[in-house]
């Protein structure tokens, strides 16, 4: 039983990594996207900002709407949408289609991430739940920070196409693992939508949402264009940019790991 739970948590961790990697990984290859589609870096940045906007719109609503459906089926649906979006993004030669292929999965992003934490916590005892959730959060941290330098490195070392294929491969592997190894998880107790939506009336929730928006806007408003800045202003080589992003990501993940150790010790 413990082995099965560990495997489930591991799949969820890689799953949220794949989802967040799809969201943030393009930051490291924005200059290549701009060159590939013959658009400005500002226009290419819409791939990040519109994705984030889709998450912001769907975040408070869609997880509640899907809460009464078998959790395995919902996760497969979300992963399938991401894989399809990744494949379209890889092969399209039209920037508008690329934007659409990015925006549609963005609306499903909060569904998988919220389910991952819920499933991880419910798969173990109450005492072990914080540790299980913290393990899944490693995938969030890695996707947000490590995914950027990985995509940047693949772009500079191999090609832009392989960097885009990396997003699809990760999500496809998680889809297969979920299909084969994650058990069916029907919802035992279904709450009415009115009961679930009542949480949106709590001021503390909206205060938390605004705080997270402001914090992430401050960080990723700059981070989204850091590759282009390092390339054009500091004249760094692609390999040096990848190394710089790796160092930033490593420092970020080390700090979060230490914080979790202190929090749950």
C-alpha atoms as a PDB file:
ATOM      1  CA  UNK A   1       0.000   0.000   0.000  1.00  0.00           C
ATOM      2  CA  UNK A   2       2.796   2.380   0.896  1.00  0.00           C
ATOM      3  CA  UNK A   3       4.541   1.636  -2.424  1.00  0.00           C
ATOM      4  CA  UNK A   4       1.331   2.354  -4.331  1.00  0.00           C
ATOM      5  CA  UNK A   5       0.858   5.645  -2.483  1.00  0.00           C
ATOM      6  CA  UNK A   6       4.465   6.656  -3.159  1.00  0.00           C
ATOM      7  CA  UNK A   7       4.009   5.890  -6.858  1.00  0.00           C
ATOM      8  CA  UNK A   8       0.797   7.928  -6.932  1.00  0.00           C
ATOM      9  CA  UNK A   9       2.480  10.915  -5.287  1.00  0.00           C
ATOM     10  CA  UNK A  10       5.432  10.597  -7.677  1.00  0.00           C
ATOM     11  CA  UNK A  11       3.123  10.612 -10.722  1.00  0.00           C
ATOM     12  CA  UNK A  12       1.296  13.659  -9.357  1.00  0.00           C
ATOM     13  CA  UNK A  13       4.628  15.420  -8.766  1.00  0.00           C
ATOM     14  CA  UNK A  14       5.775  14.815 -12.343  1.00  0.00           C
ATOM     15  CA  UNK A  15       2.276  15.756 -13.507  1.00  0.00           C
ATOM     16  CA  UNK A  16       2.334  19.205 -11.947  1.00  0.00           C
ATOM     17  CA  UNK A  17       5.907  19.604 -13.215  1.00  0.00           C
ATOM     18  CA  UNK A  18       4.670  18.942 -16.754  1.00  0.00           C
ATOM     19  CA  UNK A  19       1.761  21.366 -16.378  1.00  0.00           C
ATOM     20  CA  UNK A  20       3.901  24.160 -14.878  1.00  0.00           C
ATOM     21  CA  UNK A  21       6.724  23.399 -17.307  1.00  0.00           C
ATOM     22  CA  UNK A  22       4.337  23.983 -20.214  1.00  0.00           C
ATOM     23  CA  UNK A  23       3.326  27.298 -18.658  1.00  0.00           C
ATOM     24  CA  UNK A  24       6.745  28.656 -17.708  1.00  0.00           C
ATOM     25  CA  UNK A  25       9.181  26.777 -19.974  1.00  0.00           C
ATOM     26  CA  UNK A  26       8.556  29.067 -22.941  1.00  0.00           C
ATOM     27  CA  UNK A  27      10.122  31.933 -20.993  1.00  0.00           C
ATOM     28  CA  UNK A  28      13.560  30.483 -21.719  1.00  0.00           C
ATOM     29  CA  UNK A  29      12.895  30.254 -25.451  1.00  0.00           C
ATOM     30  CA  UNK A  30      10.955  33.477 -26.148  1.00  0.00           C
ATOM     31  CA  UNK A  31      13.739  34.883 -28.376  1.00  0.00           C
ATOM     32  CA  UNK A  32      13.685  31.682 -30.452  1.00  0.00           C
ATOM     33  CA  UNK A  33       9.885  31.782 -30.670  1.00  0.00           C
ATOM     34  CA  UNK A  34      10.050  35.396 -31.856  1.00  0.00           C
ATOM     35  CA  UNK A  35      12.588  34.451 -34.543  1.00  0.00           C
ATOM     36  CA  UNK A  36      10.729  31.286 -35.560  1.00  0.00           C
ATOM     37  CA  UNK A  37       7.392  33.040 -36.072  1.00  0.00           C
ATOM     38  CA  UNK A  38       8.853  36.371 -37.191  1.00  0.00           C
ATOM     39  CA  UNK A  39       7.165  38.334 -34.398  1.00  0.00           C
ATOM     40  CA  UNK A  40       8.532  40.686 -31.743  1.00  0.00           C
ATOM     41  CA  UNK A  41       9.590  39.423 -28.321  1.00  0.00           C
ATOM     42  CA  UNK A  42       6.726  41.469 -26.869  1.00  0.00           C
ATOM     43  CA  UNK A  43       4.257  39.570 -29.045  1.00  0.00           C
ATOM     44  CA  UNK A  44       5.914  36.268 -28.149  1.00  0.00           C
ATOM     45  CA  UNK A  45       5.467  37.246 -24.488  1.00  0.00           C
ATOM     46  CA  UNK A  46       1.713  36.883 -24.993  1.00  0.00           C
ATOM     47  CA  UNK A  47       2.309  33.132 -24.785  1.00  0.00           C
ATOM     48  CA  UNK A  48       3.128  33.677 -21.119  1.00  0.00           C
ATOM     49  CA  UNK A  49       0.757  36.502 -20.183  1.00  0.00           C
ATOM     50  CA  UNK A  50      -2.355  35.082 -21.903  1.00  0.00           C
ATOM     51  CA  UNK A  51      -1.645  31.664 -20.382  1.00  0.00           C
ATOM     52  CA  UNK A  52      -1.521  33.302 -16.951  1.00  0.00           C
ATOM     53  CA  UNK A  53      -4.735  35.196 -17.700  1.00  0.00           C
ATOM     54  CA  UNK A  54      -6.490  31.940 -18.570  1.00  0.00           C
ATOM     55  CA  UNK A  55      -5.421  30.468 -15.228  1.00  0.00           C
ATOM     56  CA  UNK A  56      -6.621  33.554 -13.366  1.00  0.00           C
ATOM     57  CA  UNK A  57     -10.052  33.374 -15.027  1.00  0.00           C
ATOM     58  CA  UNK A  58     -10.640  29.647 -14.571  1.00  0.00           C
ATOM     59  CA  UNK A  59      -8.883  29.181 -11.215  1.00  0.00           C
ATOM     60  CA  UNK A  60     -11.770  30.114  -8.896  1.00  0.00           C
ATOM     61  CA  UNK A  61     -14.434  28.336 -10.987  1.00  0.00           C
ATOM     62  CA  UNK A  62     -13.446  25.256 -13.029  1.00  0.00           C
ATOM     63  CA  UNK A  63     -11.951  23.177 -10.161  1.00  0.00           C
ATOM     64  CA  UNK A  64     -15.314  23.480  -8.393  1.00  0.00           C
ATOM     65  CA  UNK A  65     -17.286  22.539 -11.516  1.00  0.00           C
ATOM     66  CA  UNK A  66     -15.200  19.366 -12.005  1.00  0.00           C
ATOM     67  CA  UNK A  67     -15.128  18.428  -8.319  1.00  0.00           C
ATOM     68  CA  UNK A  68     -17.953  15.868  -8.606  1.00  0.00           C
ATOM     69  CA  UNK A  69     -16.334  13.823 -11.404  1.00  0.00           C
ATOM     70  CA  UNK A  70     -14.044  10.803 -10.998  1.00  0.00           C
ATOM     71  CA  UNK A  71     -10.643  12.317 -10.252  1.00  0.00           C
ATOM     72  CA  UNK A  72      -8.678   9.959 -12.482  1.00  0.00           C
ATOM     73  CA  UNK A  73     -10.910  10.785 -15.448  1.00  0.00           C
ATOM     74  CA  UNK A  74     -10.518  14.512 -14.833  1.00  0.00           C
ATOM     75  CA  UNK A  75      -6.727  14.247 -14.621  1.00  0.00           C
ATOM     76  CA  UNK A  76      -6.628  12.246 -17.857  1.00  0.00           C
ATOM     77  CA  UNK A  77      -8.818  14.865 -19.533  1.00  0.00           C
ATOM     78  CA  UNK A  78      -6.535  17.712 -18.446  1.00  0.00           C
ATOM     79  CA  UNK A  79      -3.343  15.861 -19.412  1.00  0.00           C
ATOM     80  CA  UNK A  80      -4.888  14.952 -22.776  1.00  0.00           C
ATOM     81  CA  UNK A  81      -5.704  18.605 -23.453  1.00  0.00           C
ATOM     82  CA  UNK A  82      -2.131  19.596 -22.573  1.00  0.00           C
ATOM     83  CA  UNK A  83      -0.583  16.890 -24.765  1.00  0.00           C
ATOM     84  CA  UNK A  84      -2.773  17.922 -27.699  1.00  0.00           C
ATOM     85  CA  UNK A  85      -1.940  21.598 -27.133  1.00  0.00           C
ATOM     86  CA  UNK A  86       1.772  20.771 -26.940  1.00  0.00           C
ATOM     87  CA  UNK A  87       1.642  18.801 -30.204  1.00  0.00           C
ATOM     88  CA  UNK A  88      -0.203  21.587 -32.030  1.00  0.00           C
ATOM     89  CA  UNK A  89       2.309  24.120 -30.649  1.00  0.00           C
ATOM     90  CA  UNK A  90       5.162  21.981 -31.942  1.00  0.00           C
ATOM     91  CA  UNK A  91       3.931  21.620 -35.523  1.00  0.00           C
ATOM     92  CA  UNK A  92       2.023  24.828 -36.256  1.00  0.00           C
ATOM     93  CA  UNK A  93       3.639  27.520 -38.372  1.00  0.00           C
ATOM     94  CA  UNK A  94       1.000  30.118 -37.505  1.00  0.00           C
ATOM     95  CA  UNK A  95       1.535  32.284 -34.417  1.00  0.00           C
ATOM     96  CA  UNK A  96      -2.204  32.808 -33.836  1.00  0.00           C
ATOM     97  CA  UNK A  97      -2.788  29.048 -33.754  1.00  0.00           C
ATOM     98  CA  UNK A  98       0.144  28.767 -31.353  1.00  0.00           C
ATOM     99  CA  UNK A  99      -1.548  31.285 -29.050  1.00  0.00           C
ATOM    100  CA  UNK A 100      -4.838  29.353 -29.181  1.00  0.00           C
ATOM    101  CA  UNK A 101      -3.031  26.052 -28.517  1.00  0.00           C
ATOM    102  CA  UNK A 102      -1.515  27.672 -25.421  1.00  0.00           C
ATOM    103  CA  UNK A 103      -4.613  29.460 -24.103  1.00  0.00           C
ATOM    104  CA  UNK A 104      -7.029  26.486 -24.172  1.00  0.00           C
ATOM    105  CA  UNK A 105      -4.891  24.254 -21.878  1.00  0.00           C
ATOM    106  CA  UNK A 106      -4.391  27.220 -19.544  1.00  0.00           C
ATOM    107  CA  UNK A 107      -8.049  27.036 -18.487  1.00  0.00           C
ATOM    108  CA  UNK A 108      -7.527  23.406 -17.393  1.00  0.00           C
ATOM    109  CA  UNK A 109      -4.293  24.138 -15.492  1.00  0.00           C
ATOM    110  CA  UNK A 110      -5.935  24.913 -12.089  1.00  0.00           C
ATOM    111  CA  UNK A 111      -8.045  21.742 -12.285  1.00  0.00           C
ATOM    112  CA  UNK A 112      -5.064  19.390 -12.347  1.00  0.00           C
ATOM    113  CA  UNK A 113      -2.993  21.308  -9.799  1.00  0.00           C
ATOM    114  CA  UNK A 114      -5.831  21.496  -7.265  1.00  0.00           C
ATOM    115  CA  UNK A 115      -6.609  17.796  -7.755  1.00  0.00           C
ATOM    116  CA  UNK A 116      -2.937  16.835  -7.366  1.00  0.00           C
ATOM    117  CA  UNK A 117      -2.745  18.360  -3.894  1.00  0.00           C
ATOM    118  CA  UNK A 118      -6.130  16.944  -2.860  1.00  0.00           C
ATOM    119  CA  UNK A 119      -5.359  13.429  -4.087  1.00  0.00           C
ATOM    120  CA  UNK A 120      -1.877  13.447  -2.546  1.00  0.00           C
ATOM    121  CA  UNK A 121      -3.244  14.469   0.845  1.00  0.00           C
ATOM    122  CA  UNK A 122      -6.097  11.927   0.773  1.00  0.00           C
ATOM    123  CA  UNK A 123      -3.838   9.040  -0.317  1.00  0.00           C
ATOM    124  CA  UNK A 124      -1.977   8.927   3.016  1.00  0.00           C
ATOM    125  CA  UNK A 125      -2.778   9.298   6.709  1.00  0.00           C
ATOM    126  CA  UNK A 126      -3.611  12.681   8.187  1.00  0.00           C
ATOM    127  CA  UNK A 127      -0.172  12.804   9.821  1.00  0.00           C
ATOM    128  CA  UNK A 128       1.604  12.143   6.509  1.00  0.00           C
ATOM    129  CA  UNK A 129      -0.584  14.469   4.427  1.00  0.00           C
ATOM    130  CA  UNK A 130       1.631  17.594   4.779  1.00  0.00           C
ATOM    131  CA  UNK A 131       4.670  15.617   3.582  1.00  0.00           C
ATOM    132  CA  UNK A 132       2.765  14.206   0.606  1.00  0.00           C
ATOM    133  CA  UNK A 133       1.585  17.679  -0.368  1.00  0.00           C
ATOM    134  CA  UNK A 134       5.107  19.086   0.012  1.00  0.00           C
ATOM    135  CA  UNK A 135       6.427  16.378  -2.340  1.00  0.00           C
ATOM    136  CA  UNK A 136       3.885  17.358  -4.993  1.00  0.00           C
ATOM    137  CA  UNK A 137       4.881  20.977  -4.468  1.00  0.00           C
ATOM    138  CA  UNK A 138       8.405  20.032  -5.566  1.00  0.00           C
ATOM    139  CA  UNK A 139       6.885  19.488  -9.002  1.00  0.00           C
ATOM    140  CA  UNK A 140       5.359  22.973  -8.883  1.00  0.00           C
ATOM    141  CA  UNK A 141       8.688  24.552  -7.945  1.00  0.00           C
ATOM    142  CA  UNK A 142      10.599  22.552 -10.555  1.00  0.00           C
ATOM    143  CA  UNK A 143       8.066  23.370 -13.262  1.00  0.00           C
ATOM    144  CA  UNK A 144       8.088  27.084 -12.490  1.00  0.00           C
ATOM    145  CA  UNK A 145      11.833  27.476 -12.147  1.00  0.00           C
ATOM    146  CA  UNK A 146      13.778  24.469 -13.474  1.00  0.00           C
ATOM    147  CA  UNK A 147      11.633  24.107 -16.585  1.00  0.00           C
ATOM    148  CA  UNK A 148      12.862  27.450 -17.923  1.00  0.00           C
ATOM    149  CA  UNK A 149      16.602  26.655 -18.008  1.00  0.00           C
ATOM    150  CA  UNK A 150      15.937  23.102 -19.224  1.00  0.00           C
ATOM    151  CA  UNK A 151      13.940  24.389 -22.199  1.00  0.00           C
ATOM    152  CA  UNK A 152      16.557  27.085 -22.813  1.00  0.00           C
ATOM    153  CA  UNK A 153      19.355  24.505 -22.761  1.00  0.00           C
ATOM    154  CA  UNK A 154      17.547  22.165 -25.186  1.00  0.00           C
ATOM    155  CA  UNK A 155      16.861  25.138 -27.460  1.00  0.00           C
ATOM    156  CA  UNK A 156      20.518  26.219 -27.555  1.00  0.00           C
ATOM    157  CA  UNK A 157      22.025  22.714 -27.599  1.00  0.00           C
ATOM    158  CA  UNK A 158      19.621  20.996 -30.018  1.00  0.00           C
ATOM    159  CA  UNK A 159      16.801  23.047 -31.540  1.00  0.00           C
ATOM    160  CA  UNK A 160      13.702  25.111 -30.847  1.00  0.00           C
ATOM    161  CA  UNK A 161      11.534  22.203 -32.023  1.00  0.00           C
ATOM    162  CA  UNK A 162      13.078  19.814 -29.495  1.00  0.00           C
ATOM    163  CA  UNK A 163      12.476  22.328 -26.707  1.00  0.00           C
ATOM    164  CA  UNK A 164       8.777  22.414 -27.647  1.00  0.00           C
ATOM    165  CA  UNK A 165       8.731  18.608 -27.970  1.00  0.00           C
ATOM    166  CA  UNK A 166      10.088  18.377 -24.409  1.00  0.00           C
ATOM    167  CA  UNK A 167       6.816  19.837 -23.067  1.00  0.00           C
ATOM    168  CA  UNK A 168       4.743  17.298 -25.011  1.00  0.00           C
ATOM    169  CA  UNK A 169       6.894  14.311 -24.027  1.00  0.00           C
ATOM    170  CA  UNK A 170       6.674  15.016 -20.282  1.00  0.00           C
ATOM    171  CA  UNK A 171       2.888  15.413 -20.352  1.00  0.00           C
ATOM    172  CA  UNK A 172       2.445  12.350 -22.581  1.00  0.00           C
ATOM    173  CA  UNK A 173       4.481  10.182 -20.197  1.00  0.00           C
ATOM    174  CA  UNK A 174       2.404  11.376 -17.228  1.00  0.00           C
ATOM    175  CA  UNK A 175      -0.796  10.694 -19.186  1.00  0.00           C
ATOM    176  CA  UNK A 176       0.324   7.089 -19.803  1.00  0.00           C
ATOM    177  CA  UNK A 177       1.442   6.628 -16.175  1.00  0.00           C
ATOM    178  CA  UNK A 178      -1.880   7.991 -14.914  1.00  0.00           C
ATOM    179  CA  UNK A 179      -3.817   5.700 -17.253  1.00  0.00           C
ATOM    180  CA  UNK A 180      -1.871   2.606 -16.178  1.00  0.00           C
ATOM    181  CA  UNK A 181      -1.016   3.110 -12.518  1.00  0.00           C
ATOM    182  CA  UNK A 182      -3.473   5.577 -10.955  1.00  0.00           C
ATOM    183  CA  UNK A 183      -6.584   3.824  -9.586  1.00  0.00           C
ATOM    184  CA  UNK A 184     -10.102   4.986 -10.317  1.00  0.00           C
ATOM    185  CA  UNK A 185     -11.084   7.643  -7.780  1.00  0.00           C
ATOM    186  CA  UNK A 186     -14.834   8.279  -7.801  1.00  0.00           C
ATOM    187  CA  UNK A 187     -15.988  11.122  -5.586  1.00  0.00           C
ATOM    188  CA  UNK A 188     -17.618   9.677  -2.470  1.00  0.00           C
ATOM    189  CA  UNK A 189     -19.347  12.789  -1.207  1.00  0.00           C
ATOM    190  CA  UNK A 190     -20.524  15.355  -3.734  1.00  0.00           C
ATOM    191  CA  UNK A 191     -21.164  18.836  -2.409  1.00  0.00           C
ATOM    192  CA  UNK A 192     -23.684  21.073  -4.147  1.00  0.00           C
ATOM    193  CA  UNK A 193     -22.238  23.799  -6.359  1.00  0.00           C
ATOM    194  CA  UNK A 194     -23.870  26.469  -4.201  1.00  0.00           C
ATOM    195  CA  UNK A 195     -22.064  25.105  -1.137  1.00  0.00           C
ATOM    196  CA  UNK A 196     -18.735  25.054  -2.978  1.00  0.00           C
ATOM    197  CA  UNK A 197     -19.115  28.516  -4.484  1.00  0.00           C
ATOM    198  CA  UNK A 198     -19.933  29.949  -1.060  1.00  0.00           C
ATOM    199  CA  UNK A 199     -16.201  29.872  -0.311  1.00  0.00           C
ATOM    200  CA  UNK A 200     -15.793  32.674  -2.842  1.00  0.00           C
ATOM    201  CA  UNK A 201     -17.676  34.961  -0.455  1.00  0.00           C
ATOM    202  CA  UNK A 202     -14.836  34.862   2.080  1.00  0.00           C
ATOM    203  CA  UNK A 203     -12.739  38.076   2.024  1.00  0.00           C
ATOM    204  CA  UNK A 204      -9.615  36.219   3.170  1.00  0.00           C
ATOM    205  CA  UNK A 205      -9.742  34.121  -0.018  1.00  0.00           C
ATOM    206  CA  UNK A 206      -9.744  37.184  -2.269  1.00  0.00           C
ATOM    207  CA  UNK A 207      -7.034  38.805  -0.170  1.00  0.00           C
ATOM    208  CA  UNK A 208      -4.912  35.697  -0.688  1.00  0.00           C
ATOM    209  CA  UNK A 209      -5.626  35.714  -4.427  1.00  0.00           C
ATOM    210  CA  UNK A 210      -4.641  39.377  -4.776  1.00  0.00           C
ATOM    211  CA  UNK A 211      -1.465  38.803  -2.740  1.00  0.00           C
ATOM    212  CA  UNK A 212      -0.409  35.875  -4.934  1.00  0.00           C
ATOM    213  CA  UNK A 213      -1.171  37.876  -8.100  1.00  0.00           C
ATOM    214  CA  UNK A 214       0.948  40.814  -6.942  1.00  0.00           C
ATOM    215  CA  UNK A 215       3.851  38.625  -5.814  1.00  0.00           C
ATOM    216  CA  UNK A 216       3.939  36.600  -9.012  1.00  0.00           C
ATOM    217  CA  UNK A 217       3.489  39.702 -11.166  1.00  0.00           C
ATOM    218  CA  UNK A 218       6.545  41.242  -9.528  1.00  0.00           C
ATOM    219  CA  UNK A 219       8.676  38.127 -10.046  1.00  0.00           C
ATOM    220  CA  UNK A 220       7.540  36.847 -13.426  1.00  0.00           C
ATOM    221  CA  UNK A 221       6.932  40.256 -14.980  1.00  0.00           C
ATOM    222  CA  UNK A 222      10.716  40.500 -15.071  1.00  0.00           C
ATOM    223  CA  UNK A 223      11.527  36.796 -15.339  1.00  0.00           C
ATOM    224  CA  UNK A 224       9.396  36.419 -18.474  1.00  0.00           C
ATOM    225  CA  UNK A 225      11.806  38.580 -20.477  1.00  0.00           C
ATOM    226  CA  UNK A 226      15.070  37.760 -18.713  1.00  0.00           C
ATOM    227  CA  UNK A 227      16.347  35.582 -21.584  1.00  0.00           C
ATOM    228  CA  UNK A 228      15.899  38.370 -24.115  1.00  0.00           C
ATOM    229  CA  UNK A 229      17.481  40.892 -21.718  1.00  0.00           C
ATOM    230  CA  UNK A 230      20.538  38.717 -21.122  1.00  0.00           C
ATOM    231  CA  UNK A 231      20.867  38.117 -24.857  1.00  0.00           C
ATOM    232  CA  UNK A 232      20.520  41.693 -26.129  1.00  0.00           C
ATOM    233  CA  UNK A 233      21.770  43.849 -23.240  1.00  0.00           C
ATOM    234  CA  UNK A 234      24.524  41.755 -21.651  1.00  0.00           C
ATOM    235  CA  UNK A 235      25.403  39.889 -24.891  1.00  0.00           C
ATOM    236  CA  UNK A 236      25.475  36.530 -23.105  1.00  0.00           C
ATOM    237  CA  UNK A 237      25.804  33.398 -25.214  1.00  0.00           C
ATOM    238  CA  UNK A 238      22.878  30.922 -25.246  1.00  0.00           C
ATOM    239  CA  UNK A 239      24.829  28.444 -23.097  1.00  0.00           C
ATOM    240  CA  UNK A 240      25.655  31.133 -20.519  1.00  0.00           C
ATOM    241  CA  UNK A 241      21.999  32.192 -20.410  1.00  0.00           C
ATOM    242  CA  UNK A 242      20.972  28.579 -19.765  1.00  0.00           C
ATOM    243  CA  UNK A 243      23.558  28.304 -16.983  1.00  0.00           C
ATOM    244  CA  UNK A 244      22.341  31.565 -15.409  1.00  0.00           C
ATOM    245  CA  UNK A 245      18.747  30.314 -15.452  1.00  0.00           C
ATOM    246  CA  UNK A 246      19.867  26.986 -13.946  1.00  0.00           C
ATOM    247  CA  UNK A 247      21.605  28.816 -11.085  1.00  0.00           C
ATOM    248  CA  UNK A 248      18.526  30.946 -10.439  1.00  0.00           C
ATOM    249  CA  UNK A 249      16.271  27.891 -10.512  1.00  0.00           C
ATOM    250  CA  UNK A 250      18.592  25.874  -8.268  1.00  0.00           C
ATOM    251  CA  UNK A 251      18.774  28.634  -5.674  1.00  0.00           C
ATOM    252  CA  UNK A 252      14.989  29.020  -5.735  1.00  0.00           C
ATOM    253  CA  UNK A 253      14.370  25.299  -5.269  1.00  0.00           C
ATOM    254  CA  UNK A 254      16.986  25.003  -2.500  1.00  0.00           C
ATOM    255  CA  UNK A 255      15.284  27.806  -0.594  1.00  0.00           C
ATOM    256  CA  UNK A 256      11.846  26.209  -0.969  1.00  0.00           C
ATOM    257  CA  UNK A 257      13.218  22.818   0.135  1.00  0.00           C
ATOM    258  CA  UNK A 258      14.758  24.370   3.262  1.00  0.00           C
ATOM    259  CA  UNK A 259      11.526  26.216   4.004  1.00  0.00           C
ATOM    260  CA  UNK A 260       9.503  22.980   3.764  1.00  0.00           C
ATOM    261  CA  UNK A 261      11.950  21.215   6.078  1.00  0.00           C
ATOM    262  CA  UNK A 262      11.549  23.952   8.685  1.00  0.00           C
ATOM    263  CA  UNK A 263       7.771  24.110   8.264  1.00  0.00           C
ATOM    264  CA  UNK A 264       7.128  20.366   8.613  1.00  0.00           C
ATOM    265  CA  UNK A 265       9.898  19.440  11.062  1.00  0.00           C
END
